Amino acid sequence: MSGKFLVSITNASNDGDKATVGFVVANAAVASGQETVVFLNVEGAYLAAKGYAEDINEEGFAPLKELMNQFVEAGGTLWVCSPCYKKRGLEEEDLIEGATIVGGAKLVEFLSQGAASITY
C-alpha cells in the first residue's frame, strides 16, 4: 500500500452534503497518516474561491469551511482543477489560502504512485 489517498470533490453548494462528506473523509485520511490530496474539480472548483464555502453547513457536520481549514492545517494538500476553475470565471487572486491550481498531469502523476481514490 502506498500510503497515498486522493479525494476528488466534484460538488459544492449544488450538493453540500457530498462536498462536506468529502472533506470529512479527507480529514480522516490525513489524520491516519496518509499523504492526502483533495482535488476540487467540476462544481467543486468553486470551493477554492475565497468566501464561497462560508455558508455551506450540513446538519450533523461541522461547517464546510472549518473542515477545509482543518484539512490544510493537518498537512493535507488542496489541488484545484485549472480548466474547471477558469471555466467558472474564477480568478487566481480569488484562490483560498493553501490551494494550488494544477493541471491533469499532476493528478495523473499522484495516482500513478499508487494512490487510492474516492469521488464525492
PDB file of N, CA and C in Angstrom:
ATOM      1  N   MET A   1       0.845  -1.189   0.000  1.00  0.00           N
ATOM      2  CA  MET A   1       0.000   0.000   0.000  1.00  0.00           C
ATOM      3  C   MET A   1       0.881   1.239   0.000  1.00  0.00           C
ATOM      4  N   SER A   2       0.492   2.235  -0.785  1.00  0.00           N
ATOM      5  CA  SER A   2       1.342   3.401  -0.989  1.00  0.00           C
ATOM      6  C   SER A   2       1.283   4.428   0.123  1.00  0.00           C
ATOM      7  N   GLY A   3       0.230   4.443   0.929  1.00  0.00           N
ATOM      8  CA  GLY A   3       0.083   5.481   1.942  1.00  0.00           C
ATOM      9  C   GLY A   3      -0.368   6.802   1.349  1.00  0.00           C
ATOM     10  N   LYS A   4      -0.950   6.740   0.142  1.00  0.00           N
ATOM     11  CA  LYS A   4      -1.432   7.939  -0.543  1.00  0.00           C
ATOM     12  C   LYS A   4      -2.933   7.795  -0.788  1.00  0.00           C
ATOM     13  N   PHE A   5      -3.636   8.922  -0.621  1.00  0.00           N
ATOM     14  CA  PHE A   5      -5.095   8.897  -0.753  1.00  0.00           C
ATOM     15  C   PHE A   5      -5.557  10.166  -1.446  1.00  0.00           C
ATOM     16  N   LEU A   6      -6.414  10.027  -2.446  1.00  0.00           N
ATOM     17  CA  LEU A   6      -6.967  11.156  -3.182  1.00  0.00           C
ATOM     18  C   LEU A   6      -8.477  11.205  -2.993  1.00  0.00           C
ATOM     19  N   VAL A   7      -8.981  12.373  -2.602  1.00  0.00           N
ATOM     20  CA  VAL A   7     -10.414  12.601  -2.527  1.00  0.00           C
ATOM     21  C   VAL A   7     -10.757  13.616  -3.607  1.00  0.00           C
ATOM     22  N   SER A   8     -11.509  13.182  -4.584  1.00  0.00           N
ATOM     23  CA  SER A   8     -11.943  14.054  -5.677  1.00  0.00           C
ATOM     24  C   SER A   8     -13.322  14.597  -5.317  1.00  0.00           C
ATOM     25  N   ILE A   9     -13.432  15.913  -5.226  1.00  0.00           N
ATOM     26  CA  ILE A   9     -14.704  16.538  -4.855  1.00  0.00           C
ATOM     27  C   ILE A   9     -15.233  17.302  -6.063  1.00  0.00           C
ATOM     28  N   THR A  10     -16.380  16.822  -6.581  1.00  0.00           N
ATOM     29  CA  THR A  10     -16.971  17.393  -7.785  1.00  0.00           C
ATOM     30  C   THR A  10     -18.196  18.245  -7.478  1.00  0.00           C
ATOM     31  N   ASN A  11     -18.478  18.452  -6.200  1.00  0.00           N
ATOM     32  CA  ASN A  11     -19.661  19.194  -5.787  1.00  0.00           C
ATOM     33  C   ASN A  11     -19.298  20.345  -4.859  1.00  0.00           C
ATOM     34  N   ALA A  12     -20.195  21.313  -4.793  1.00  0.00           N
ATOM     35  CA  ALA A  12     -20.027  22.467  -3.908  1.00  0.00           C
ATOM     36  C   ALA A  12     -21.407  22.756  -3.309  1.00  0.00           C
ATOM     37  N   SER A  13     -21.925  23.967  -3.461  1.00  0.00           N
ATOM     38  CA  SER A  13     -23.254  24.271  -2.905  1.00  0.00           C
ATOM     39  C   SER A  13     -24.362  23.525  -3.640  1.00  0.00           C
ATOM     40  N   ASN A  14     -24.095  23.025  -4.852  1.00  0.00           N
ATOM     41  CA  ASN A  14     -25.090  22.234  -5.577  1.00  0.00           C
ATOM     42  C   ASN A  14     -25.407  20.926  -4.846  1.00  0.00           C
ATOM     43  N   ASP A  15     -24.469  20.413  -4.045  1.00  0.00           N
ATOM     44  CA  ASP A  15     -24.682  19.236  -3.197  1.00  0.00           C
ATOM     45  C   ASP A  15     -23.718  19.350  -2.016  1.00  0.00           C
ATOM     46  N   GLY A  16     -24.082  20.210  -1.085  1.00  0.00           N
ATOM     47  CA  GLY A  16     -23.239  20.479   0.080  1.00  0.00           C
ATOM     48  C   GLY A  16     -22.952  19.246   0.909  1.00  0.00           C
ATOM     49  N   ASP A  17     -23.871  18.292   0.897  1.00  0.00           N
ATOM     50  CA  ASP A  17     -23.679  17.055   1.645  1.00  0.00           C
ATOM     51  C   ASP A  17     -22.471  16.290   1.110  1.00  0.00           C
ATOM     52  N   LYS A  18     -22.397  16.119  -0.212  1.00  0.00           N
ATOM     53  CA  LYS A  18     -21.267  15.407  -0.806  1.00  0.00           C
ATOM     54  C   LYS A  18     -19.957  16.158  -0.587  1.00  0.00           C
ATOM     55  N   ALA A  19     -19.976  17.472  -0.761  1.00  0.00           N
ATOM     56  CA  ALA A  19     -18.760  18.262  -0.556  1.00  0.00           C
ATOM     57  C   ALA A  19     -18.272  18.139   0.888  1.00  0.00           C
ATOM     58  N   THR A  20     -19.213  18.185   1.825  1.00  0.00           N
ATOM     59  CA  THR A  20     -18.865  18.085   3.242  1.00  0.00           C
ATOM     60  C   THR A  20     -18.310  16.714   3.588  1.00  0.00           C
ATOM     61  N   VAL A  21     -18.995  15.670   3.142  1.00  0.00           N
ATOM     62  CA  VAL A  21     -18.533  14.307   3.438  1.00  0.00           C
ATOM     63  C   VAL A  21     -17.165  14.061   2.806  1.00  0.00           C
ATOM     64  N   GLY A  22     -16.923  14.629   1.638  1.00  0.00           N
ATOM     65  CA  GLY A  22     -15.606  14.507   1.017  1.00  0.00           C
ATOM     66  C   GLY A  22     -14.507  15.037   1.930  1.00  0.00           C
ATOM     67  N   PHE A  23     -14.744  16.174   2.549  1.00  0.00           N
ATOM     68  CA  PHE A  23     -13.741  16.726   3.457  1.00  0.00           C
ATOM     69  C   PHE A  23     -13.678  15.967   4.780  1.00  0.00           C
ATOM     70  N   VAL A  24     -14.776  15.382   5.228  1.00  0.00           N
ATOM     71  CA  VAL A  24     -14.735  14.531   6.422  1.00  0.00           C
ATOM     72  C   VAL A  24     -13.812  13.337   6.164  1.00  0.00           C
ATOM     73  N   VAL A  25     -13.984  12.702   5.007  1.00  0.00           N
ATOM     74  CA  VAL A  25     -13.141  11.554   4.643  1.00  0.00           C
ATOM     75  C   VAL A  25     -11.680  11.991   4.481  1.00  0.00           C
ATOM     76  N   ALA A  26     -11.454  13.129   3.836  1.00  0.00           N
ATOM     77  CA  ALA A  26     -10.085  13.627   3.651  1.00  0.00           C
ATOM     78  C   ALA A  26      -9.415  13.899   4.989  1.00  0.00           C
ATOM     79  N   ASN A  27     -10.157  14.461   5.931  1.00  0.00           N
ATOM     80  CA  ASN A  27      -9.591  14.710   7.264  1.00  0.00           C
ATOM     81  C   ASN A  27      -9.259  13.403   7.977  1.00  0.00           C
ATOM     82  N   ALA A  28     -10.104  12.394   7.813  1.00  0.00           N
ATOM     83  CA  ALA A  28      -9.819  11.089   8.419  1.00  0.00           C
ATOM     84  C   ALA A  28      -8.561  10.488   7.804  1.00  0.00           C
ATOM     85  N   ALA A  29      -8.413  10.631   6.503  1.00  0.00           N
ATOM     86  CA  ALA A  29      -7.241  10.072   5.824  1.00  0.00           C
ATOM     87  C   ALA A  29      -5.956  10.757   6.273  1.00  0.00           C
ATOM     88  N   VAL A  30      -5.948  12.065   6.301  1.00  0.00           N
ATOM     89  CA  VAL A  30      -4.732  12.786   6.696  1.00  0.00           C
ATOM     90  C   VAL A  30      -4.423  12.528   8.178  1.00  0.00           C
ATOM     91  N   ALA A  31      -5.457  12.396   9.002  1.00  0.00           N
ATOM     92  CA  ALA A  31      -5.244  12.121  10.427  1.00  0.00           C
ATOM     93  C   ALA A  31      -4.677  10.725  10.651  1.00  0.00           C
ATOM     94  N   SER A  32      -4.919   9.809   9.707  1.00  0.00           N
ATOM     95  CA  SER A  32      -4.409   8.443   9.843  1.00  0.00           C
ATOM     96  C   SER A  32      -3.020   8.282   9.231  1.00  0.00           C
ATOM     97  N   GLY A  33      -2.420   9.398   8.822  1.00  0.00           N
ATOM     98  CA  GLY A  33      -1.054   9.346   8.320  1.00  0.00           C
ATOM     99  C   GLY A  33      -0.915   9.164   6.828  1.00  0.00           C
ATOM    100  N   GLN A  34      -2.027   9.171   6.104  1.00  0.00           N
ATOM    101  CA  GLN A  34      -1.972   9.054   4.644  1.00  0.00           C
ATOM    102  C   GLN A  34      -1.532  10.387   4.038  1.00  0.00           C
ATOM    103  N   GLU A  35      -0.705  10.345   3.017  1.00  0.00           N
ATOM    104  CA  GLU A  35      -0.429  11.547   2.234  1.00  0.00           C
ATOM    105  C   GLU A  35      -1.707  11.807   1.445  1.00  0.00           C
ATOM    106  N   THR A  36      -2.432  12.858   1.806  1.00  0.00           N
ATOM    107  CA  THR A  36      -3.786  13.050   1.289  1.00  0.00           C
ATOM    108  C   THR A  36      -3.899  14.307   0.443  1.00  0.00           C
ATOM    109  N   VAL A  37      -4.505  14.134  -0.726  1.00  0.00           N
ATOM    110  CA  VAL A  37      -4.774  15.240  -1.643  1.00  0.00           C
ATOM    111  C   VAL A  37      -6.280  15.318  -1.846  1.00  0.00           C
ATOM    112  N   VAL A  38      -6.825  16.532  -1.746  1.00  0.00           N
ATOM    113  CA  VAL A  38      -8.193  16.795  -2.184  1.00  0.00           C
ATOM    114  C   VAL A  38      -8.080  17.491  -3.526  1.00  0.00           C
ATOM    115  N   PHE A  39      -8.775  16.954  -4.523  1.00  0.00           N
ATOM    116  CA  PHE A  39      -8.798  17.537  -5.856  1.00  0.00           C
ATOM    117  C   PHE A  39     -10.177  18.124  -6.088  1.00  0.00           C
ATOM    118  N   LEU A  40     -10.253  19.449  -6.129  1.00  0.00           N
ATOM    119  CA  LEU A  40     -11.510  20.159  -6.352  1.00  0.00           C
ATOM    120  C   LEU A  40     -11.702  20.334  -7.852  1.00  0.00           C
ATOM    121  N   ASN A  41     -12.757  19.729  -8.384  1.00  0.00           N
ATOM    122  CA  ASN A  41     -12.978  19.784  -9.822  1.00  0.00           C
ATOM    123  C   ASN A  41     -14.462  19.876 -10.133  1.00  0.00           C
ATOM    124  N   VAL A  42     -14.782  20.135 -11.362  1.00  0.00           N
ATOM    125  CA  VAL A  42     -16.138  20.374 -11.830  1.00  0.00           C
ATOM    126  C   VAL A  42     -16.751  21.453 -10.914  1.00  0.00           C
ATOM    127  N   GLU A  43     -17.931  21.242 -10.338  1.00  0.00           N
ATOM    128  CA  GLU A  43     -18.544  22.244  -9.453  1.00  0.00           C
ATOM    129  C   GLU A  43     -17.722  22.452  -8.179  1.00  0.00           C
ATOM    130  N   GLY A  44     -16.977  21.437  -7.765  1.00  0.00           N
ATOM    131  CA  GLY A  44     -16.141  21.536  -6.568  1.00  0.00           C
ATOM    132  C   GLY A  44     -15.086  22.620  -6.659  1.00  0.00           C
ATOM    133  N   ALA A  45     -14.738  23.041  -7.876  1.00  0.00           N
ATOM    134  CA  ALA A  45     -13.751  24.110  -8.053  1.00  0.00           C
ATOM    135  C   ALA A  45     -14.188  25.398  -7.367  1.00  0.00           C
ATOM    136  N   TYR A  46     -15.489  25.619  -7.265  1.00  0.00           N
ATOM    137  CA  TYR A  46     -15.985  26.820  -6.571  1.00  0.00           C
ATOM    138  C   TYR A  46     -15.508  26.900  -5.132  1.00  0.00           C
ATOM    139  N   LEU A  47     -15.295  25.750  -4.492  1.00  0.00           N
ATOM    140  CA  LEU A  47     -14.866  25.732  -3.088  1.00  0.00           C
ATOM    141  C   LEU A  47     -13.511  26.394  -2.887  1.00  0.00           C
ATOM    142  N   ALA A  48     -12.741  26.524  -3.951  1.00  0.00           N
ATOM    143  CA  ALA A  48     -11.414  27.133  -3.852  1.00  0.00           C
ATOM    144  C   ALA A  48     -11.457  28.655  -3.911  1.00  0.00           C
ATOM    145  N   ALA A  49     -12.625  29.231  -4.130  1.00  0.00           N
ATOM    146  CA  ALA A  49     -12.763  30.685  -4.193  1.00  0.00           C
ATOM    147  C   ALA A  49     -13.030  31.241  -2.801  1.00  0.00           C
ATOM    148  N   LYS A  50     -12.311  32.287  -2.456  1.00  0.00           N
ATOM    149  CA  LYS A  50     -12.470  32.927  -1.146  1.00  0.00           C
ATOM    150  C   LYS A  50     -13.939  33.250  -0.870  1.00  0.00           C
ATOM    151  N   GLY A  51     -14.392  32.862   0.325  1.00  0.00           N
ATOM    152  CA  GLY A  51     -15.737  33.177   0.771  1.00  0.00           C
ATOM    153  C   GLY A  51     -16.821  32.223   0.314  1.00  0.00           C
ATOM    154  N   TYR A  52     -16.558  31.400  -0.678  1.00  0.00           N
ATOM    155  CA  TYR A  52     -17.605  30.560  -1.251  1.00  0.00           C
ATOM    156  C   TYR A  52     -18.148  29.531  -0.252  1.00  0.00           C
ATOM    157  N   ALA A  53     -17.276  28.876   0.495  1.00  0.00           N
ATOM    158  CA  ALA A  53     -17.694  27.782   1.374  1.00  0.00           C
ATOM    159  C   ALA A  53     -18.254  28.260   2.710  1.00  0.00           C
ATOM    160  N   GLU A  54     -18.217  29.544   2.955  1.00  0.00           N
ATOM    161  CA  GLU A  54     -18.621  30.101   4.255  1.00  0.00           C
ATOM    162  C   GLU A  54     -20.031  29.701   4.684  1.00  0.00           C
ATOM    163  N   ASP A  55     -20.960  29.589   3.753  1.00  0.00           N
ATOM    164  CA  ASP A  55     -22.364  29.352   4.103  1.00  0.00           C
ATOM    165  C   ASP A  55     -22.804  27.902   3.928  1.00  0.00           C
ATOM    166  N   ILE A  56     -21.870  27.001   3.667  1.00  0.00           N
ATOM    167  CA  ILE A  56     -22.243  25.590   3.497  1.00  0.00           C
ATOM    168  C   ILE A  56     -22.066  24.885   4.834  1.00  0.00           C
ATOM    169  N   ASN A  57     -23.189  24.499   5.409  1.00  0.00           N
ATOM    170  CA  ASN A  57     -23.182  23.861   6.724  1.00  0.00           C
ATOM    171  C   ASN A  57     -24.286  22.813   6.763  1.00  0.00           C
ATOM    172  N   GLU A  58     -23.927  21.585   6.510  1.00  0.00           N
ATOM    173  CA  GLU A  58     -24.881  20.487   6.501  1.00  0.00           C
ATOM    174  C   GLU A  58     -25.180  20.025   7.927  1.00  0.00           C
ATOM    175  N   GLU A  59     -26.434  19.764   8.192  1.00  0.00           N
ATOM    176  CA  GLU A  59     -26.856  19.325   9.522  1.00  0.00           C
ATOM    177  C   GLU A  59     -26.098  18.065   9.934  1.00  0.00           C
ATOM    178  N   GLY A  60     -25.589  18.066  11.152  1.00  0.00           N
ATOM    179  CA  GLY A  60     -24.869  16.914  11.679  1.00  0.00           C
ATOM    180  C   GLY A  60     -23.372  16.948  11.446  1.00  0.00           C
ATOM    181  N   PHE A  61     -22.897  17.960  10.719  1.00  0.00           N
ATOM    182  CA  PHE A  61     -21.475  18.080  10.401  1.00  0.00           C
ATOM    183  C   PHE A  61     -20.954  19.451  10.824  1.00  0.00           C
ATOM    184  N   ALA A  62     -19.644  19.528  10.997  1.00  0.00           N
ATOM    185  CA  ALA A  62     -19.007  20.830  11.197  1.00  0.00           C
ATOM    186  C   ALA A  62     -19.184  21.634   9.909  1.00  0.00           C
ATOM    187  N   PRO A  63     -19.164  22.964  10.005  1.00  0.00           N
ATOM    188  CA  PRO A  63     -19.253  23.777   8.787  1.00  0.00           C
ATOM    189  C   PRO A  63     -18.147  23.399   7.797  1.00  0.00           C
ATOM    190  N   LEU A  64     -18.481  23.441   6.513  1.00  0.00           N
ATOM    191  CA  LEU A  64     -17.530  23.028   5.484  1.00  0.00           C
ATOM    192  C   LEU A  64     -16.236  23.827   5.548  1.00  0.00           C
ATOM    193  N   LYS A  65     -16.324  25.130   5.726  1.00  0.00           N
ATOM    194  CA  LYS A  65     -15.112  25.957   5.771  1.00  0.00           C
ATOM    195  C   LYS A  65     -14.190  25.493   6.903  1.00  0.00           C
ATOM    196  N   GLU A  66     -14.771  25.123   8.039  1.00  0.00           N
ATOM    197  CA  GLU A  66     -13.983  24.606   9.168  1.00  0.00           C
ATOM    198  C   GLU A  66     -13.289  23.297   8.795  1.00  0.00           C
ATOM    199  N   LEU A  67     -14.002  22.411   8.120  1.00  0.00           N
ATOM    200  CA  LEU A  67     -13.411  21.141   7.696  1.00  0.00           C
ATOM    201  C   LEU A  67     -12.275  21.369   6.701  1.00  0.00           C
ATOM    202  N   MET A  68     -12.466  22.323   5.807  1.00  0.00           N
ATOM    203  CA  MET A  68     -11.423  22.643   4.830  1.00  0.00           C
ATOM    204  C   MET A  68     -10.180  23.190   5.529  1.00  0.00           C
ATOM    205  N   ASN A  69     -10.372  24.094   6.474  1.00  0.00           N
ATOM    206  CA  ASN A  69      -9.239  24.657   7.215  1.00  0.00           C
ATOM    207  C   ASN A  69      -8.506  23.579   8.004  1.00  0.00           C
ATOM    208  N   GLN A  70      -9.256  22.682   8.642  1.00  0.00           N
ATOM    209  CA  GLN A  70      -8.647  21.588   9.403  1.00  0.00           C
ATOM    210  C   GLN A  70      -7.781  20.718   8.500  1.00  0.00           C
ATOM    211  N   PHE A  71      -8.277  20.448   7.305  1.00  0.00           N
ATOM    212  CA  PHE A  71      -7.550  19.608   6.360  1.00  0.00           C
ATOM    213  C   PHE A  71      -6.197  20.220   6.003  1.00  0.00           C
ATOM    214  N   VAL A  72      -6.192  21.476   5.645  1.00  0.00           N
ATOM    215  CA  VAL A  72      -4.950  22.152   5.268  1.00  0.00           C
ATOM    216  C   VAL A  72      -4.011  22.258   6.465  1.00  0.00           C
ATOM    217  N   GLU A  73      -4.555  22.611   7.629  1.00  0.00           N
ATOM    218  CA  GLU A  73      -3.731  22.738   8.839  1.00  0.00           C
ATOM    219  C   GLU A  73      -3.102  21.416   9.255  1.00  0.00           C
ATOM    220  N   ALA A  74      -3.771  20.298   8.939  1.00  0.00           N
ATOM    221  CA  ALA A  74      -3.258  18.971   9.292  1.00  0.00           C
ATOM    222  C   ALA A  74      -2.205  18.472   8.304  1.00  0.00           C
ATOM    223  N   GLY A  75      -1.953  19.268   7.269  1.00  0.00           N
ATOM    224  CA  GLY A  75      -0.927  18.877   6.297  1.00  0.00           C
ATOM    225  C   GLY A  75      -1.463  18.304   5.007  1.00  0.00           C
ATOM    226  N   GLY A  76      -2.778  18.355   4.818  1.00  0.00           N
ATOM    227  CA  GLY A  76      -3.364  17.884   3.568  1.00  0.00           C
ATOM    228  C   GLY A  76      -3.044  18.830   2.422  1.00  0.00           C
ATOM    229  N   THR A  77      -3.062  18.294   1.218  1.00  0.00           N
ATOM    230  CA  THR A  77      -2.785  19.067   0.015  1.00  0.00           C
ATOM    231  C   THR A  77      -4.097  19.342  -0.714  1.00  0.00           C
ATOM    232  N   LEU A  78      -4.293  20.594  -1.103  1.00  0.00           N
ATOM    233  CA  LEU A  78      -5.527  21.007  -1.755  1.00  0.00           C
ATOM    234  C   LEU A  78      -5.210  21.473  -3.180  1.00  0.00           C
ATOM    235  N   TRP A  79      -5.648  20.672  -4.157  1.00  0.00           N
ATOM    236  CA  TRP A  79      -5.431  20.993  -5.562  1.00  0.00           C
ATOM    237  C   TRP A  79      -6.760  21.381  -6.198  1.00  0.00           C
ATOM    238  N   VAL A  80      -6.674  22.303  -7.170  1.00  0.00           N
ATOM    239  CA  VAL A  80      -7.847  22.774  -7.886  1.00  0.00           C
ATOM    240  C   VAL A  80      -7.621  22.567  -9.382  1.00  0.00           C
ATOM    241  N   CYS A  81      -8.585  21.977 -10.038  1.00  0.00           N
ATOM    242  CA  CYS A  81      -8.514  21.743 -11.477  1.00  0.00           C
ATOM    243  C   CYS A  81      -8.439  23.075 -12.213  1.00  0.00           C
ATOM    244  N   SER A  82      -7.360  23.268 -12.944  1.00  0.00           N
ATOM    245  CA  SER A  82      -7.140  24.528 -13.652  1.00  0.00           C
ATOM    246  C   SER A  82      -8.259  24.868 -14.644  1.00  0.00           C
ATOM    247  N   PRO A  83      -8.584  23.983 -15.591  1.00  0.00           N
ATOM    248  CA  PRO A  83      -9.643  24.363 -16.526  1.00  0.00           C
ATOM    249  C   PRO A  83     -11.008  24.513 -15.859  1.00  0.00           C
ATOM    250  N   CYS A  84     -11.278  23.734 -14.811  1.00  0.00           N
ATOM    251  CA  CYS A  84     -12.559  23.833 -14.099  1.00  0.00           C
ATOM    252  C   CYS A  84     -12.695  25.197 -13.421  1.00  0.00           C
ATOM    253  N   TYR A  85     -11.602  25.652 -12.810  1.00  0.00           N
ATOM    254  CA  TYR A  85     -11.591  26.934 -12.109  1.00  0.00           C
ATOM    255  C   TYR A  85     -11.793  28.074 -13.103  1.00  0.00           C
ATOM    256  N   LYS A  86     -11.062  28.014 -14.207  1.00  0.00           N
ATOM    257  CA  LYS A  86     -11.156  29.064 -15.226  1.00  0.00           C
ATOM    258  C   LYS A  86     -12.524  29.076 -15.897  1.00  0.00           C
ATOM    259  N   LYS A  87     -13.068  27.890 -16.172  1.00  0.00           N
ATOM    260  CA  LYS A  87     -14.372  27.785 -16.835  1.00  0.00           C
ATOM    261  C   LYS A  87     -15.461  28.492 -16.043  1.00  0.00           C
ATOM    262  N   ARG A  88     -15.321  28.510 -14.738  1.00  0.00           N
ATOM    263  CA  ARG A  88     -16.319  29.109 -13.868  1.00  0.00           C
ATOM    264  C   ARG A  88     -16.072  30.599 -13.621  1.00  0.00           C
ATOM    265  N   GLY A  89     -15.151  31.171 -14.384  1.00  0.00           N
ATOM    266  CA  GLY A  89     -14.894  32.603 -14.299  1.00  0.00           C
ATOM    267  C   GLY A  89     -14.163  33.029 -13.045  1.00  0.00           C
ATOM    268  N   LEU A  90     -13.495  32.084 -12.394  1.00  0.00           N
ATOM    269  CA  LEU A  90     -12.771  32.390 -11.159  1.00  0.00           C
ATOM    270  C   LEU A  90     -11.351  32.831 -11.494  1.00  0.00           C
ATOM    271  N   GLU A  91     -10.846  33.742 -10.717  1.00  0.00           N
ATOM    272  CA  GLU A  91      -9.518  34.306 -10.949  1.00  0.00           C
ATOM    273  C   GLU A  91      -8.535  33.773  -9.914  1.00  0.00           C
ATOM    274  N   GLU A  92      -7.277  33.668 -10.288  1.00  0.00           N
ATOM    275  CA  GLU A  92      -6.245  33.141  -9.388  1.00  0.00           C
ATOM    276  C   GLU A  92      -6.140  33.943  -8.094  1.00  0.00           C
ATOM    277  N   GLU A  93      -6.373  35.251  -8.164  1.00  0.00           N
ATOM    278  CA  GLU A  93      -6.288  36.075  -6.950  1.00  0.00           C
ATOM    279  C   GLU A  93      -7.430  35.790  -5.966  1.00  0.00           C
ATOM    280  N   ASP A  94      -8.460  35.069  -6.409  1.00  0.00           N
ATOM    281  CA  ASP A  94      -9.574  34.691  -5.538  1.00  0.00           C
ATOM    282  C   ASP A  94      -9.335  33.367  -4.814  1.00  0.00           C
ATOM    283  N   LEU A  95      -8.233  32.729  -5.093  1.00  0.00           N
ATOM    284  CA  LEU A  95      -7.929  31.404  -4.550  1.00  0.00           C
ATOM    285  C   LEU A  95      -7.736  31.456  -3.029  1.00  0.00           C
ATOM    286  N   ILE A  96      -8.332  30.487  -2.332  1.00  0.00           N
ATOM    287  CA  ILE A  96      -8.173  30.414  -0.876  1.00  0.00           C
ATOM    288  C   ILE A  96      -6.742  30.026  -0.519  1.00  0.00           C
ATOM    289  N   GLU A  97      -6.365  30.387   0.688  1.00  0.00           N
ATOM    290  CA  GLU A  97      -5.034  30.048   1.184  1.00  0.00           C
ATOM    291  C   GLU A  97      -4.895  28.531   1.283  1.00  0.00           C
ATOM    292  N   GLY A  98      -3.767  28.023   0.823  1.00  0.00           N
ATOM    293  CA  GLY A  98      -3.487  26.594   0.900  1.00  0.00           C
ATOM    294  C   GLY A  98      -3.853  25.820  -0.351  1.00  0.00           C
ATOM    295  N   ALA A  99      -4.548  26.466  -1.292  1.00  0.00           N
ATOM    296  CA  ALA A  99      -4.953  25.781  -2.527  1.00  0.00           C
ATOM    297  C   ALA A  99      -3.970  26.086  -3.649  1.00  0.00           C
ATOM    298  N   THR A 100      -3.791  25.098  -4.515  1.00  0.00           N
ATOM    299  CA  THR A 100      -2.904  25.231  -5.669  1.00  0.00           C
ATOM    300  C   THR A 100      -3.654  24.805  -6.921  1.00  0.00           C
ATOM    301  N   ILE A 101      -3.597  25.613  -7.953  1.00  0.00           N
ATOM    302  CA  ILE A 101      -4.207  25.267  -9.231  1.00  0.00           C
ATOM    303  C   ILE A 101      -3.261  24.324  -9.972  1.00  0.00           C
ATOM    304  N   VAL A 102      -3.805  23.187 -10.418  1.00  0.00           N
ATOM    305  CA  VAL A 102      -2.984  22.194 -11.116  1.00  0.00           C
ATOM    306  C   VAL A 102      -3.699  21.702 -12.364  1.00  0.00           C
ATOM    307  N   GLY A 103      -2.913  21.154 -13.261  1.00  0.00           N
ATOM    308  CA  GLY A 103      -3.454  20.518 -14.454  1.00  0.00           C
ATOM    309  C   GLY A 103      -3.611  19.027 -14.236  1.00  0.00           C
ATOM    310  N   GLY A 104      -4.186  18.376 -15.201  1.00  0.00           N
ATOM    311  CA  GLY A 104      -4.441  16.944 -15.108  1.00  0.00           C
ATOM    312  C   GLY A 104      -3.194  16.096 -14.949  1.00  0.00           C
ATOM    313  N   ALA A 105      -2.061  16.552 -15.498  1.00  0.00           N
ATOM    314  CA  ALA A 105      -0.825  15.774 -15.413  1.00  0.00           C
ATOM    315  C   ALA A 105      -0.395  15.569 -13.961  1.00  0.00           C
ATOM    316  N   LYS A 106      -0.590  16.568 -13.130  1.00  0.00           N
ATOM    317  CA  LYS A 106      -0.219  16.472 -11.702  1.00  0.00           C
ATOM    318  C   LYS A 106      -1.065  15.399 -11.017  1.00  0.00           C
ATOM    319  N   LEU A 107      -2.333  15.364 -11.338  1.00  0.00           N
ATOM    320  CA  LEU A 107      -3.232  14.371 -10.769  1.00  0.00           C
ATOM    321  C   LEU A 107      -2.853  12.966 -11.224  1.00  0.00           C
ATOM    322  N   VAL A 108      -2.575  12.814 -12.510  1.00  0.00           N
ATOM    323  CA  VAL A 108      -2.175  11.514 -13.060  1.00  0.00           C
ATOM    324  C   VAL A 108      -0.890  11.033 -12.392  1.00  0.00           C
ATOM    325  N   GLU A 109       0.057  11.942 -12.190  1.00  0.00           N
ATOM    326  CA  GLU A 109       1.311  11.585 -11.523  1.00  0.00           C
ATOM    327  C   GLU A 109       1.055  11.040 -10.120  1.00  0.00           C
ATOM    328  N   PHE A 110       0.201  11.715  -9.355  1.00  0.00           N
ATOM    329  CA  PHE A 110      -0.104  11.273  -7.989  1.00  0.00           C
ATOM    330  C   PHE A 110      -0.798   9.913  -7.996  1.00  0.00           C
ATOM    331  N   LEU A 111      -1.767   9.753  -8.873  1.00  0.00           N
ATOM    332  CA  LEU A 111      -2.481   8.479  -8.950  1.00  0.00           C
ATOM    333  C   LEU A 111      -1.572   7.344  -9.409  1.00  0.00           C
ATOM    334  N   SER A 112      -0.625   7.642 -10.283  1.00  0.00           N
ATOM    335  CA  SER A 112       0.285   6.604 -10.777  1.00  0.00           C
ATOM    336  C   SER A 112       1.248   6.119  -9.708  1.00  0.00           C
ATOM    337  N   GLN A 113       1.320   6.849  -8.609  1.00  0.00           N
ATOM    338  CA  GLN A 113       2.168   6.437  -7.481  1.00  0.00           C
ATOM    339  C   GLN A 113       1.412   5.497  -6.538  1.00  0.00           C
ATOM    340  N   GLY A 114       0.262   5.022  -6.969  1.00  0.00           N
ATOM    341  CA  GLY A 114      -0.479   4.033  -6.208  1.00  0.00           C
ATOM    342  C   GLY A 114      -1.504   4.600  -5.252  1.00  0.00           C
ATOM    343  N   ALA A 115      -1.885   5.851  -5.422  1.00  0.00           N
ATOM    344  CA  ALA A 115      -2.854   6.456  -4.525  1.00  0.00           C
ATOM    345  C   ALA A 115      -4.219   5.799  -4.679  1.00  0.00           C
ATOM    346  N   ALA A 116      -4.858   5.534  -3.548  1.00  0.00           N
ATOM    347  CA  ALA A 116      -6.251   5.110  -3.562  1.00  0.00           C
ATOM    348  C   ALA A 116      -7.084   6.363  -3.782  1.00  0.00           C
ATOM    349  N   SER A 117      -8.254   6.229  -4.388  1.00  0.00           N
ATOM    350  CA  SER A 117      -9.050   7.418  -4.645  1.00  0.00           C
ATOM    351  C   SER A 117     -10.545   7.153  -4.441  1.00  0.00           C
ATOM    352  N   ILE A 118     -11.247   8.237  -4.132  1.00  0.00           N
ATOM    353  CA  ILE A 118     -12.693   8.214  -3.955  1.00  0.00           C
ATOM    354  C   ILE A 118     -13.226   9.552  -4.457  1.00  0.00           C
ATOM    355  N   THR A 119     -14.428   9.529  -4.988  1.00  0.00           N
ATOM    356  CA  THR A 119     -15.032  10.749  -5.545  1.00  0.00           C
ATOM    357  C   THR A 119     -16.333  11.087  -4.840  1.00  0.00           C
ATOM    358  N   TYR A 120     -16.502  12.380  -4.541  1.00  0.00           N
ATOM    359  CA  TYR A 120     -17.739  12.901  -3.950  1.00  0.00           C
ATOM    360  C   TYR A 120     -18.284  14.015  -4.802  1.00  0.00           C
TER     361      TYR A 120
END
